[in-house]
Protein backbone atom coordinates (compact mmCIF):
# COMPACT_ATOMS: atom_id res chain seq x y z
CA MET A 1 98.93 149.37 53.88
CA ALA A 2 102.06 151.97 52.96
CA PRO A 3 101.32 153.76 50.02
CA VAL A 4 103.79 151.32 47.50
CA ASP A 5 101.43 147.86 48.37
CA TYR A 6 99.21 148.90 46.39
CA GLU A 7 101.31 149.47 43.05
CA ILE A 8 103.04 146.49 43.81
CA LEU A 9 99.94 144.51 43.28
CA LEU A 10 98.83 146.65 40.82
CA PHE A 11 102.11 145.39 38.94
CA PHE A 12 101.61 142.50 39.20
CA ASP A 13 97.80 142.12 38.51
CA GLU A 14 98.99 143.66 35.14
CA HIS A 15 101.89 141.74 34.56
CA PRO A 16 101.18 138.16 35.72
CA ILE A 17 105.10 137.19 35.80
CA GLN A 18 107.11 136.07 38.34
CA VAL A 19 109.40 139.14 38.92
CA SER A 20 112.76 140.16 41.89
CA PRO A 21 112.33 142.89 44.38
CA LYS A 22 115.18 144.26 41.88
CA VAL A 23 113.08 144.22 39.35
CA LEU A 24 109.77 145.33 40.47
CA ALA A 25 111.61 148.45 41.98
CA ALA A 26 113.03 149.92 38.84
CA ASN A 27 109.62 149.73 37.20
CA ILE A 28 107.65 151.33 40.06
CA ASP A 29 109.80 153.86 40.81
CA TYR A 30 110.61 152.75 44.31
CA ASP A 31 114.03 151.63 46.65
CA ARG A 32 114.76 147.73 46.03
CA GLN A 33 115.56 147.67 49.93
CA TYR A 34 112.17 148.86 50.87
CA VAL A 35 110.33 146.85 47.38
CA GLY A 36 111.92 144.12 48.75
CA LYS A 37 110.76 144.55 52.30
CA ARG A 38 107.13 144.92 51.50
CA CYS A 39 106.66 142.11 49.42
CA GLY A 40 108.11 140.38 52.16
CA THR A 41 105.00 141.77 54.15
CA LEU A 42 102.45 141.16 51.53
CA ALA A 43 103.37 138.17 51.40
CA ASP A 44 102.90 136.74 54.88
CA ALA A 45 99.73 138.84 54.49
CA ASP A 46 99.21 136.15 51.11
CA LEU A 47 98.61 138.69 48.85
CA LEU A 48 101.93 137.84 46.77
CA GLU A 49 104.00 134.32 47.14
CA SER A 50 107.45 133.47 46.91
CA VAL A 51 107.88 130.87 44.34
CA GLY A 52 111.55 130.76 44.07
CA THR A 53 114.99 132.53 44.97
CA GLY A 54 113.74 136.05 45.37
CA LEU A 55 110.84 135.93 42.68
CA TYR A 56 106.73 136.38 43.65
CA GLN A 57 103.81 136.33 42.41
CA LEU A 58 99.92 137.56 42.95
CA THR A 59 98.42 135.27 45.12
CA ASN A 60 94.44 134.89 44.57
CA THR A 61 93.95 136.28 47.33
CA GLY A 62 95.71 138.90 45.99
CA THR A 63 93.69 139.22 43.38
CA ALA A 64 90.48 138.88 45.29
CA TYR A 65 92.26 142.33 46.89
CA LEU A 66 92.00 144.44 44.17
CA GLU A 67 89.05 143.46 42.98
CA GLY A 68 87.46 144.48 45.41
CA GLU A 69 86.42 141.47 47.01
CA LEU A 70 88.78 141.47 50.11
CA ASP A 71 89.02 144.50 52.77
CA VAL A 72 92.46 145.72 53.90
CA SER A 73 91.27 145.25 57.35
CA GLU A 74 90.74 141.40 57.62
CA LEU A 75 94.37 140.86 56.68
CA GLU A 76 97.15 140.80 59.01
CA ILE A 77 99.83 142.82 57.60
CA ASP A 78 102.57 144.37 59.98
CA GLU A 79 104.10 147.68 58.89
């Protein structure tokens, strides 16, 4: 997991909305392209779900991870 990954997941946990990487990046103060790449990686690991053209939301797996019910070693995340 990259340092930004937790911030991305936490944003979605605190704001249960569908949002694009551009809007997300503006709200967590990271580069839009980097956030977009990390959102794709988190979606591949089933922590986020791509719900439309460029929109993401937190999955139940993502919620379980944030609640400490899922260890990061159980996930397949490509750095």
